[in-house]
Amino acid sequence: MENVVGRIIGVTSHLGGVGKTATTLNIGMCLAAMDHSVLLLDGDPAAGLSLAAGLGRRSHRGLYQFLKGSVSLEDTVHTSRKNSLALVRTGITEPTHIFALERRTGWEKLWQAIRELAEGYDYLLIDTACGHSTLTTLLLGCADAVIMPLPCRTLAVKSLPLFLRSLIRMRHTIQPDLRFAGAIFSMVDSLNPYELEIMTELRRVFPAPTFFSTVIPLNRAFEKAAAHGVPVGLFREYDDLARGYADLASELVRRDRKLQKKGGSSEQPDPLF
């Protein structure tokens, strides 16, 4: 019987500091709370997701060590206290490791490793480094769909078209089945009328499916959670924020199911590709 490969979703952004890692971690925890089995892949050489999840530097084994042949693929998986949630690191500890992953490994080997990791899980969420690095491109090329946290700031909005064009190019070159699942308004300051104006204007200009309905507000809880190495949902005083991520996770599941129903890559996906 063929093993079922879970859905692989890349979480990415063209800018840093937009809540990408927080989005990956908290959606992952919420999906696990919904009885989905979830594997998080820390695809950033800076290991932001590993640090945010509290894994720290207790073990560096990851994809690099597996592809080098020094550990098994199973040994790269770090299981959390919640058995339905696990994490895999890139294993990058030196600049030369990045070169090895980008230049020597090749997309095919990385794709095969990630597909094998996704077996037995409902979802594999990839937290990529921001921007357009080769490693980020390779990791997104392994994904079925992409979501993008987007702050309501001028620079982020102005650079958005370039980033979307890069996703289109990726679909035409290495991953024809890649789908854009939507952008998430993240770190939104509800007391800043300019940010609210930008969000309203973007919703007016772009088709409705472009953006998730759920909005993640700016909150000091993110810094507190990062300092403790836990998702914000584990703090009782931030229940509202935790519910927001739970809503976001539910919305992601619904959107992804719609993408799967669309079938093959011959269809033009809504709303941007």
Protein backbone atom coordinates (compact mmCIF):
# COMPACT_ATOMS: atom_id res chain seq x y z
CA MET A 1 0.00 0.00 0.00
CA GLU A 2 1.39 3.39 -1.00
CA ASN A 3 2.17 5.79 1.84
CA VAL A 4 0.07 8.93 1.89
CA VAL A 5 2.08 12.15 1.68
CA GLY A 6 0.64 15.01 3.71
CA ARG A 7 0.05 18.45 2.31
CA ILE A 8 3.22 20.53 2.14
CA ILE A 9 2.66 24.24 2.68
CA GLY A 10 5.37 26.87 2.49
CA VAL A 11 5.15 29.95 4.69
CA THR A 12 7.18 32.68 3.07
CA SER A 13 7.64 36.41 2.67
CA HIS A 14 9.73 38.84 0.69
CA LEU A 15 10.53 40.82 3.87
CA GLY A 16 11.64 39.95 7.38
CA GLY A 17 9.87 40.87 10.58
CA VAL A 18 6.37 40.19 9.27
CA GLY A 19 5.42 37.33 11.59
CA LYS A 20 6.34 34.49 9.25
CA THR A 21 7.86 32.24 11.90
CA ALA A 22 5.10 33.04 14.40
CA THR A 23 2.55 32.18 11.71
CA THR A 24 4.19 28.81 11.02
CA LEU A 25 4.50 27.84 14.67
CA ASN A 26 1.06 28.95 15.80
CA ILE A 27 -0.80 27.55 12.80
CA GLY A 28 1.07 24.30 13.34
CA MET A 29 0.06 24.15 16.99
CA CYS A 30 -3.57 24.95 16.14
CA LEU A 31 -3.69 22.28 13.43
CA ALA A 32 -2.32 19.78 15.94
CA ALA A 33 -5.02 20.86 18.41
CA MET A 34 -7.55 20.08 15.66
CA ASP A 35 -6.27 16.47 15.67
CA HIS A 36 -4.12 16.87 12.57
CA SER A 37 -0.61 15.44 12.64
CA VAL A 38 1.82 18.26 11.83
CA LEU A 39 5.51 18.42 10.97
CA LEU A 40 7.23 21.81 11.03
CA LEU A 41 10.33 22.31 8.88
CA ASP A 42 12.68 25.10 9.93
CA GLY A 43 13.96 26.17 6.54
CA ASP A 44 15.78 29.29 7.73
CA PRO A 45 19.54 28.92 8.36
CA ALA A 46 19.06 31.36 11.26
CA ALA A 47 16.95 28.64 12.95
CA GLY A 48 14.22 31.08 13.97
CA LEU A 49 11.49 28.45 14.12
CA SER A 50 13.60 26.08 16.22
CA LEU A 51 14.33 28.87 18.69
CA ALA A 52 10.70 30.04 18.74
CA ALA A 53 9.55 26.49 19.46
CA GLY A 54 11.98 26.13 22.35
CA LEU A 55 14.19 23.52 20.67
CA GLY A 56 17.14 25.87 20.91
CA ARG A 57 20.51 24.34 20.13
CA ARG A 58 20.03 21.04 21.92
CA SER A 59 20.52 19.14 18.67
CA HIS A 60 21.66 20.30 15.25
CA ARG A 61 20.79 17.16 13.33
CA GLY A 62 18.63 17.94 10.33
CA LEU A 63 18.28 17.74 6.57
CA TYR A 64 21.92 18.60 5.91
CA GLN A 65 23.14 15.69 8.03
CA PHE A 66 20.68 13.33 6.37
CA LEU A 67 21.65 14.36 2.85
CA LYS A 68 25.31 13.98 3.84
CA GLY A 69 24.53 10.44 5.00
CA SER A 70 25.45 10.84 8.67
CA VAL A 71 21.93 10.32 10.12
CA SER A 72 18.73 8.63 9.04
CA LEU A 73 15.73 10.67 7.96
CA GLU A 74 13.86 9.53 11.06
CA ASP A 75 16.65 10.90 13.26
CA THR A 76 16.07 14.42 11.93
CA VAL A 77 12.57 14.55 13.45
CA HIS A 78 12.27 16.15 16.88
CA THR A 79 8.98 15.12 18.49
CA SER A 80 7.34 17.58 20.85
CA ARG A 81 5.50 16.80 24.06
CA LYS A 82 2.38 16.94 21.92
CA ASN A 83 2.86 13.80 19.85
CA SER A 84 0.90 15.23 16.93
CA LEU A 85 3.46 18.04 16.46
CA ALA A 86 7.10 17.57 15.44
CA LEU A 87 9.92 19.66 13.98
CA VAL A 88 12.79 19.16 11.55
CA ARG A 89 15.75 21.50 11.26
CA THR A 90 17.90 22.21 8.22
CA GLY A 91 20.95 21.15 10.23
CA ILE A 92 22.90 24.16 9.01
CA THR A 93 25.58 25.27 11.46
CA GLU A 94 28.22 26.61 9.05
CA PRO A 95 28.02 28.82 5.93
CA THR A 96 29.44 25.94 3.88
CA HIS A 97 26.40 23.86 4.80
CA ILE A 98 24.16 26.34 2.99
CA PHE A 99 26.32 25.96 -0.11
CA ALA A 100 26.06 22.18 0.12
CA LEU A 101 22.28 22.27 0.37
CA GLU A 102 21.90 24.81 -2.41
CA ARG A 103 24.50 23.65 -4.91
CA ARG A 104 25.35 20.02 -4.29
CA THR A 105 22.11 18.51 -3.14
CA GLY A 106 19.85 19.60 -5.96
CA TRP A 107 16.13 20.05 -5.92
CA GLU A 108 15.35 16.41 -6.69
CA LYS A 109 17.09 14.99 -3.60
CA LEU A 110 15.63 17.69 -1.37
CA TRP A 111 12.17 17.12 -2.85
CA GLN A 112 12.42 13.38 -2.21
CA ALA A 113 13.58 13.89 1.39
CA ILE A 114 10.77 16.32 2.17
CA ARG A 115 8.17 14.07 0.54
CA GLU A 116 9.39 11.18 2.67
CA LEU A 117 9.20 13.37 5.77
CA ALA A 118 5.61 14.31 4.91
CA GLU A 119 4.53 10.66 4.90
CA GLY A 120 2.45 9.93 7.96
CA TYR A 121 1.61 13.59 8.60
CA ASP A 122 -1.45 15.53 7.55
CA TYR A 123 0.52 18.75 7.10
CA LEU A 124 4.15 19.72 6.70
CA LEU A 125 4.66 23.46 7.16
CA ILE A 126 7.90 24.98 5.86
CA ASP A 127 9.15 28.17 7.49
CA THR A 128 11.46 29.62 4.84
CA ALA A 129 14.00 32.40 5.10
CA CYS A 130 12.67 35.70 3.79
CA GLY A 131 13.56 36.88 0.32
CA HIS A 132 14.62 35.00 -2.80
CA SER A 133 17.60 32.87 -1.75
CA THR A 134 18.36 29.65 -3.59
CA LEU A 135 17.52 27.60 -0.50
CA THR A 136 14.15 29.33 -0.13
CA THR A 137 13.40 28.69 -3.80
CA LEU A 138 14.34 25.01 -3.46
CA LEU A 139 12.15 24.57 -0.39
CA LEU A 140 9.16 26.32 -1.94
CA GLY A 141 9.67 24.13 -4.99
CA CYS A 142 8.86 21.17 -2.75
CA ALA A 143 5.56 22.68 -1.56
CA ASP A 144 2.02 22.09 -2.74
CA ALA A 145 0.87 25.55 -1.70
CA VAL A 146 2.24 28.83 -0.36
CA ILE A 147 0.86 31.25 2.20
CA MET A 148 2.35 34.67 2.85
CA PRO A 149 2.12 36.88 5.95
CA LEU A 150 1.79 40.48 4.79
CA PRO A 151 2.09 43.60 6.97
CA CYS A 152 0.07 46.66 5.99
CA ARG A 153 3.13 48.79 5.35
CA THR A 154 4.10 50.73 2.26
CA LEU A 155 7.39 48.94 1.53
CA ALA A 156 5.80 45.51 1.89
CA VAL A 157 2.95 46.40 -0.44
CA LYS A 158 5.20 48.01 -3.06
CA SER A 159 7.50 45.00 -3.22
CA LEU A 160 4.64 42.49 -3.32
CA PRO A 161 4.32 42.28 -7.15
CA LEU A 162 7.98 41.27 -7.55
CA PHE A 163 7.55 38.50 -5.03
CA LEU A 164 4.39 37.19 -6.70
CA ARG A 165 6.16 37.17 -10.07
CA SER A 166 8.91 35.05 -8.52
CA LEU A 167 6.29 32.52 -7.41
CA ILE A 168 4.85 32.43 -10.91
CA ARG A 169 8.33 31.85 -12.34
CA MET A 170 8.87 29.05 -9.84
CA ARG A 171 5.68 27.40 -10.99
CA HIS A 172 6.82 27.57 -14.59
CA THR A 173 10.26 26.13 -13.87
CA ILE A 174 10.42 23.64 -10.99
CA GLN A 175 6.96 23.12 -9.46
CA PRO A 176 4.03 23.33 -11.89
CA ASP A 177 1.55 22.24 -9.20
CA LEU A 178 2.44 25.02 -6.77
CA ARG A 179 -0.60 26.98 -5.62
CA PHE A 180 -0.93 30.35 -3.92
CA ALA A 181 -3.25 29.74 -0.96
CA GLY A 182 -3.42 33.38 0.05
CA ALA A 183 -1.84 36.26 1.94
CA ILE A 184 -2.42 36.87 5.64
CA PHE A 185 -2.60 40.39 7.02
CA SER A 186 -0.17 40.02 9.90
CA MET A 187 1.15 42.27 12.68
CA VAL A 188 -1.58 44.81 11.89
CA ASP A 189 -1.69 47.82 14.22
CA SER A 190 -5.39 48.48 14.70
CA LEU A 191 -4.60 51.90 16.19
CA ASN A 192 -2.83 53.02 13.03
CA PRO A 193 -5.43 54.37 10.56
CA TYR A 194 -2.90 54.26 7.72
CA GLU A 195 -2.44 50.49 8.08
CA LEU A 196 -6.20 49.97 8.16
CA GLU A 197 -6.51 52.10 5.04
CA ILE A 198 -3.91 50.00 3.23
CA MET A 199 -5.70 46.78 4.20
CA THR A 200 -9.05 48.12 3.02
CA GLU A 201 -7.59 49.29 -0.29
CA LEU A 202 -5.85 45.96 -0.96
CA ARG A 203 -9.07 44.06 -0.33
CA ARG A 204 -10.83 46.40 -2.75
CA VAL A 205 -8.25 46.07 -5.54
CA PHE A 206 -7.51 42.34 -5.42
CA PRO A 207 -10.00 39.46 -5.79
CA ALA A 208 -11.52 38.35 -2.49
CA PRO A 209 -9.67 34.98 -2.30
CA THR A 210 -6.30 36.76 -2.38
CA PHE A 211 -6.38 37.46 1.35
CA PHE A 212 -7.39 35.36 4.32
CA SER A 213 -10.38 36.71 6.22
CA THR A 214 -8.55 36.31 9.52
CA VAL A 215 -6.29 39.22 10.50
CA ILE A 216 -3.46 38.78 13.01
CA PRO A 217 -2.96 41.95 15.08
CA LEU A 218 0.25 43.45 16.38
CA ASN A 219 0.68 42.31 19.96
CA ARG A 220 3.44 42.33 22.57
CA ALA A 221 2.66 38.65 23.12
CA PHE A 222 4.93 37.76 20.21
CA GLU A 223 8.02 39.07 21.97
CA LYS A 224 7.05 37.34 25.21
CA ALA A 225 6.43 34.05 23.41
CA ALA A 226 9.76 34.30 21.56
CA ALA A 227 11.59 34.93 24.83
CA HIS A 228 10.05 31.81 26.38
CA GLY A 229 10.35 29.67 23.23
CA VAL A 230 6.66 28.76 23.05
CA PRO A 231 3.66 29.55 20.80
CA VAL A 232 1.51 32.47 21.93
CA GLY A 233 -1.40 30.09 22.34
CA LEU A 234 0.18 28.66 25.48
CA PHE A 235 -0.29 31.96 27.33
CA ARG A 236 -3.76 32.12 28.87
CA GLU A 237 -3.74 35.91 28.97
CA TYR A 238 -3.57 36.01 25.17
CA ASP A 239 -6.65 33.90 24.43
CA ASP A 240 -7.90 36.36 21.80
CA LEU A 241 -4.69 36.03 19.80
CA ALA A 242 -4.75 32.25 20.18
CA ARG A 243 -8.32 32.17 18.85
CA GLY A 244 -7.18 34.25 15.90
CA TYR A 245 -4.61 31.63 14.96
CA ALA A 246 -7.18 28.87 15.48
CA ASP A 247 -9.47 30.67 13.02
CA LEU A 248 -6.54 31.08 10.64
CA ALA A 249 -5.72 27.36 10.81
CA SER A 250 -9.35 26.44 10.10
CA GLU A 251 -9.43 28.84 7.17
CA LEU A 252 -6.19 27.36 5.82
CA VAL A 253 -7.68 23.86 5.90
CA ARG A 254 -10.74 25.04 3.97
CA ARG A 255 -8.68 26.91 1.40
CA ASP A 256 -6.29 24.02 0.89
CA ARG A 257 -9.14 21.59 0.33
CA LYS A 258 -10.51 23.88 -2.37
CA LEU A 259 -7.09 23.99 -4.02
CA GLN A 260 -6.92 20.19 -4.04
CA LYS A 261 -10.35 19.96 -5.67
CA LYS A 262 -9.11 22.10 -8.55
CA GLY A 263 -6.96 19.19 -9.65
CA GLY A 264 -4.10 19.34 -12.13
CA SER A 265 -1.78 22.17 -13.00
CA SER A 266 -3.58 22.88 -16.26
CA GLU A 267 -6.10 24.99 -14.37
CA GLN A 268 -5.38 28.63 -13.66
CA PRO A 269 -5.64 29.00 -9.86
CA ASP A 270 -7.41 31.88 -8.20
CA PRO A 271 -6.63 34.59 -7.72
CA LEU A 272 -3.15 35.60 -8.84
CA PHE A 273 -1.53 32.88 -10.95
